Amino acid sequence: MPPIPGSPKTDKNAMTYTTKSTPTSNIRRTPLACGLAIAAIGLGPPISSASLVIPVQNGGFEDPTPHNPNNGQNSDWTAGGWAFVGAPWTTSTGNYGRLSQGPVASPQLGNWIMNLNDSGGWVKQDLGTAVNAGDTLSVTFQVMSDTAQGQIAAALLVGTGPTVYSQTFTNPQNSGTWVSYTLTDTIGTSGNLSLEFSNVSGRVWLDNVSNVTADITSIPEPGSLLALGSLIGSGALLRNRRR
C-alpha cells in the first residue's frame, strides 16, 4: 500500500517502541492512600495497658536501730520509744517515727509508723526514676488520726523546681482504725520523680506506702504502626510507577 501523501516514510526494519503512561487516576490515588495512612496514624489511640512499677523503699517506715532522741541513755528501747526515719526518706520532723503502742497500731507492715502530728511536718523520698508528660501515676497509703480529724497532703514532685501534683485527703477521727487513700494524677511534665506527704491539719499518722505505678500512654497502637507501614509502601509504589 503506497504511503499517504505528506506522511513520513516508514522503515520496515526499524524497531518500534511503545511507551506506557501511568493513568492520571492512579497517580491521584497514591497521594490519597498516603494521606489516609497519615490520618490513621494520627487517629490511632495509644496503648493504655503498658505500666511501670516504681519502687518506694521502706514504705512501712521500719527502723532496724531504734533510737530515742529524748533520752540518750535509753537509745535501745524496744517499746514506747522513738526512732529515726532512715534514708532514703528525709523529713522535717526531727527524723522520728513512733513504735506502735495501744491505739496507734501499725497496719501489718511492722512496728513503726510515720509521725506527722506536727503542723507543716513532711516526709519525702526521691524515687530516682524519670517519668514523662502524659504518664498517669498512682500511689496508695494508709492514714490514721488519733485524737481529732486530720488532713494529709500527698504529692508527686516531678523534675527540677519541682512541678507539684498534690491532693489533700481528710481523715476522720478514727483512733486505732487505718483508712486507705490513693493519689492518682496524669502529669504534664517530664523529669525525676519524688514522693512527699505532709501534715495539713490535725494529728495524722502515715504507714503502708505502696510502690508507685506509672501507666505509659505514649506507645502507638499496632494498627497505627500498620498504617505507617502502608504509608511507606505507598511511597515506594509511587516511586516505582514514576520510573
Protein backbone atom coordinates (compact mmCIF):
# COMPACT_ATOMS: atom_id res chain seq x y z
CA MET A 1 0.00 0.00 0.00
CA PRO A 2 1.54 3.32 -1.06
CA PRO A 3 2.22 5.86 1.65
CA ILE A 4 -0.26 8.63 2.19
CA PRO A 5 0.99 11.88 0.68
CA GLY A 6 2.54 14.15 3.27
CA SER A 7 3.10 11.36 5.82
CA PRO A 8 6.64 10.40 6.99
CA LYS A 9 8.32 7.44 5.32
CA THR A 10 8.15 4.17 7.18
CA ASP A 11 11.21 1.96 7.55
CA LYS A 12 10.02 -1.64 7.86
CA ASN A 13 13.27 -2.69 9.50
CA ALA A 14 13.13 -0.02 12.23
CA MET A 15 12.35 -1.10 15.82
CA THR A 16 9.10 0.08 17.28
CA TYR A 17 9.00 1.31 20.94
CA THR A 18 5.80 1.53 22.91
CA THR A 19 5.67 3.96 25.87
CA LYS A 20 3.11 3.34 28.62
CA SER A 21 1.96 6.30 30.65
CA THR A 22 0.60 5.96 34.18
CA PRO A 23 -3.10 6.83 34.16
CA THR A 24 -3.84 10.11 35.85
CA SER A 25 -6.35 8.36 38.10
CA ASN A 26 -3.61 6.07 39.51
CA ILE A 27 -1.30 8.99 40.26
CA ARG A 28 -4.11 10.67 42.15
CA ARG A 29 -4.91 7.57 44.15
CA THR A 30 -1.38 7.17 45.56
CA PRO A 31 -1.22 10.52 47.42
CA LEU A 32 -4.71 9.78 48.67
CA ALA A 33 -3.51 6.47 50.13
CA CYS A 34 -0.59 8.28 51.81
CA GLY A 35 -2.98 10.82 53.27
CA LEU A 36 -5.24 8.11 54.65
CA ALA A 37 -2.26 6.35 56.25
CA ILE A 38 -1.13 9.57 57.93
CA ALA A 39 -4.67 10.14 59.18
CA ALA A 40 -4.79 6.60 60.55
CA ILE A 41 -1.56 7.20 62.49
CA GLY A 42 -2.96 10.40 63.93
CA LEU A 43 -6.23 8.79 64.96
CA GLY A 44 -4.78 5.60 66.41
CA PRO A 45 -5.30 5.61 70.20
CA PRO A 46 -2.32 4.90 72.48
CA ILE A 47 -1.86 1.67 74.38
CA SER A 48 -3.10 2.17 77.95
CA SER A 49 -2.07 -1.21 79.38
CA ALA A 50 1.68 -0.61 79.45
CA SER A 51 2.78 0.12 83.00
CA LEU A 52 5.89 0.67 85.07
CA VAL A 53 6.31 -0.07 88.79
CA ILE A 54 8.49 2.49 90.58
CA PRO A 55 9.68 1.07 93.94
CA VAL A 56 9.18 3.01 97.17
CA GLN A 57 11.75 1.91 99.73
CA ASN A 58 10.71 1.24 103.33
CA GLY A 59 7.07 2.16 102.81
CA GLY A 60 6.42 0.95 106.37
CA PHE A 61 8.98 3.33 107.96
CA GLU A 62 10.66 0.48 109.78
CA ASP A 63 13.89 1.23 111.63
CA PRO A 64 16.32 -1.59 112.42
CA THR A 65 18.14 0.56 115.02
CA PRO A 66 15.59 2.18 117.38
CA HIS A 67 16.77 5.41 118.97
CA ASN A 68 15.19 7.75 121.49
CA PRO A 69 16.41 11.32 120.84
CA ASN A 70 14.84 12.47 124.13
CA ASN A 71 16.92 10.18 126.30
CA GLY A 72 20.33 9.06 125.11
CA GLN A 73 20.64 6.53 127.93
CA ASN A 74 17.65 4.59 126.56
CA SER A 75 18.61 4.53 122.88
CA ASP A 76 17.92 0.79 122.72
CA TRP A 77 14.26 0.99 123.71
CA THR A 78 12.17 -1.73 122.13
CA ALA A 79 8.77 -0.31 123.10
CA GLY A 80 7.26 3.10 123.64
CA GLY A 81 10.26 4.99 122.22
CA TRP A 82 11.08 6.95 119.08
CA ALA A 83 13.12 6.02 116.02
CA PHE A 84 14.95 7.93 113.35
CA VAL A 85 13.41 7.57 109.89
CA GLY A 86 16.28 6.34 107.77
CA ALA A 87 17.33 7.02 104.19
CA PRO A 88 16.06 7.28 101.54
CA TRP A 89 13.30 9.11 103.44
CA THR A 90 14.00 12.68 104.51
CA THR A 91 11.74 14.61 106.86
CA SER A 92 11.25 17.93 108.64
CA THR A 93 10.03 16.29 111.84
CA GLY A 94 13.37 15.63 113.52
CA ASN A 95 13.67 12.24 111.79
CA TYR A 96 11.37 10.37 114.11
CA GLY A 97 8.64 7.80 113.81
CA ARG A 98 6.86 6.08 116.69
CA LEU A 99 6.80 2.50 117.79
CA SER A 100 3.21 1.26 117.72
CA GLN A 101 1.59 1.11 121.13
CA GLY A 102 -2.03 0.88 122.28
CA PRO A 103 -4.48 2.54 119.87
CA VAL A 104 -1.70 3.64 117.50
CA ALA A 105 -1.41 0.21 115.89
CA SER A 106 0.56 -0.33 112.70
CA PRO A 107 -1.31 -1.83 109.73
CA GLN A 108 0.59 -5.03 109.01
CA LEU A 109 3.95 -3.60 107.94
CA GLY A 110 5.77 -3.91 111.24
CA ASN A 111 6.10 -1.93 114.44
CA TRP A 112 6.88 1.56 113.20
CA ILE A 113 4.70 4.28 111.69
CA MET A 114 5.44 7.82 110.50
CA ASN A 115 4.55 10.60 112.91
CA LEU A 116 3.07 13.59 111.06
CA ASN A 117 1.43 15.15 114.12
CA ASP A 118 3.36 18.42 113.81
CA SER A 119 1.72 21.17 111.76
CA GLY A 120 3.51 21.50 108.43
CA GLY A 121 5.60 18.39 109.01
CA TRP A 122 6.58 16.44 105.92
CA VAL A 123 8.37 13.28 104.81
CA LYS A 124 9.79 12.82 101.30
CA GLN A 125 11.59 10.23 99.18
CA ASP A 126 13.48 10.73 95.89
CA LEU A 127 12.46 7.72 93.81
CA GLY A 128 15.36 8.12 91.36
CA THR A 129 13.19 7.39 88.31
CA ALA A 130 12.38 9.62 85.33
CA VAL A 131 8.73 9.93 84.27
CA ASN A 132 7.24 11.57 81.17
CA ALA A 133 4.46 14.04 80.47
CA GLY A 134 1.25 12.11 79.82
CA ASP A 135 2.05 9.29 82.27
CA THR A 136 -0.61 8.52 84.86
CA LEU A 137 0.97 7.95 88.27
CA SER A 138 -0.71 6.31 91.26
CA VAL A 139 0.29 5.59 94.87
CA THR A 140 -1.71 4.13 97.79
CA PHE A 141 -1.09 4.77 101.50
CA GLN A 142 -2.82 4.48 104.89
CA VAL A 143 -3.65 7.23 107.40
CA MET A 144 -4.98 7.29 110.96
CA SER A 145 -5.95 10.30 113.10
CA ASP A 146 -5.72 9.58 116.81
CA THR A 147 -7.42 12.43 118.72
CA ALA A 148 -9.08 14.66 116.12
CA GLN A 149 -9.91 14.81 112.41
CA GLY A 150 -6.81 15.47 110.36
CA GLN A 151 -5.77 16.30 106.81
CA ILE A 152 -2.77 14.98 104.92
CA ALA A 153 -1.43 16.10 101.53
CA ALA A 154 0.13 13.56 99.18
CA ALA A 155 2.23 14.94 96.33
CA LEU A 156 4.11 13.77 93.24
CA LEU A 157 7.12 16.04 92.64
CA VAL A 158 8.41 16.00 89.05
CA GLY A 159 11.60 17.50 87.66
CA THR A 160 13.62 20.47 88.82
CA GLY A 161 11.65 23.16 90.51
CA PRO A 162 9.76 20.83 91.03
CA THR A 163 6.28 20.68 89.46
CA VAL A 164 3.91 19.56 92.24
CA TYR A 165 0.90 17.31 91.66
CA SER A 166 -0.84 17.25 95.04
CA GLN A 167 -4.12 16.24 96.64
CA THR A 168 -5.34 16.79 100.22
CA PHE A 169 -7.19 13.95 101.97
CA THR A 170 -9.40 14.47 105.01
CA ASN A 171 -9.11 11.71 107.59
CA PRO A 172 -11.80 11.37 110.28
CA GLN A 173 -11.07 10.88 113.96
CA ASN A 174 -10.59 7.13 113.84
CA SER A 175 -8.16 6.21 116.60
CA GLY A 176 -6.97 2.66 116.02
CA THR A 177 -8.51 2.39 112.53
CA TRP A 178 -6.48 2.98 109.38
CA VAL A 179 -8.01 4.36 106.18
CA SER A 180 -6.55 3.67 102.74
CA TYR A 181 -6.23 6.51 100.21
CA THR A 182 -4.92 6.67 96.64
CA LEU A 183 -3.37 9.62 94.85
CA THR A 184 -3.72 9.37 91.06
CA ASP A 185 -2.73 12.08 88.61
CA THR A 186 -1.77 12.43 84.94
CA ILE A 187 1.34 14.56 84.90
CA GLY A 188 2.05 17.29 82.38
CA THR A 189 5.82 17.49 82.81
CA SER A 190 8.81 15.17 82.46
CA GLY A 191 11.64 14.64 84.91
CA ASN A 192 12.81 12.81 88.00
CA LEU A 193 10.08 11.73 90.43
CA SER A 194 9.88 12.25 94.20
CA LEU A 195 7.05 11.42 96.60
CA GLU A 196 6.03 13.62 99.54
CA PHE A 197 3.48 13.52 102.38
CA SER A 198 2.77 16.47 104.65
CA ASN A 199 0.55 17.45 107.57
CA VAL A 200 -2.17 19.95 106.65
CA SER A 201 -4.06 19.85 109.94
CA GLY A 202 -4.79 17.68 112.99
CA ARG A 203 -2.78 14.72 114.26
CA VAL A 204 -2.14 12.24 111.46
CA TRP A 205 -0.06 9.10 111.25
CA LEU A 206 1.18 7.57 107.98
CA ASP A 207 2.06 4.00 107.03
CA ASN A 208 1.94 1.33 104.34
CA VAL A 209 3.04 3.49 101.38
CA SER A 210 2.84 1.41 98.20
CA ASN A 211 5.06 1.43 95.14
CA VAL A 212 4.16 4.00 92.51
CA THR A 213 2.58 2.67 89.31
CA ALA A 214 3.00 4.59 86.06
CA ASP A 215 0.64 3.91 83.15
CA ILE A 216 2.51 4.74 79.96
CA THR A 217 0.29 6.37 77.34
CA SER A 218 2.73 7.32 74.57
CA ILE A 219 3.04 3.98 72.75
CA PRO A 220 1.08 3.80 69.42
CA GLU A 221 -1.40 1.04 68.73
CA PRO A 222 -0.25 -1.78 66.39
CA GLY A 223 -2.89 -0.53 63.93
CA SER A 224 -1.10 2.79 63.76
CA LEU A 225 2.19 1.04 63.09
CA LEU A 226 0.46 -0.90 60.27
CA ALA A 227 -0.73 2.40 58.83
CA LEU A 228 2.84 3.66 58.91
CA GLY A 229 3.93 0.57 57.00
CA SER A 230 1.19 1.24 54.43
CA LEU A 231 2.41 4.80 54.06
CA ILE A 232 5.98 3.65 53.40
CA GLY A 233 4.74 1.02 50.94
CA SER A 234 2.60 3.58 49.10
CA GLY A 235 5.60 5.88 48.75
CA ALA A 236 7.71 3.07 47.31
CA LEU A 237 4.94 2.14 44.85
CA LEU A 238 4.64 5.72 43.68
CA ARG A 239 8.40 5.91 43.02
CA ASN A 240 8.31 2.67 41.03
CA ARG A 241 5.42 3.87 38.88
CA ARG A 242 7.17 7.12 38.08
CA ARG A 243 10.15 5.17 36.79
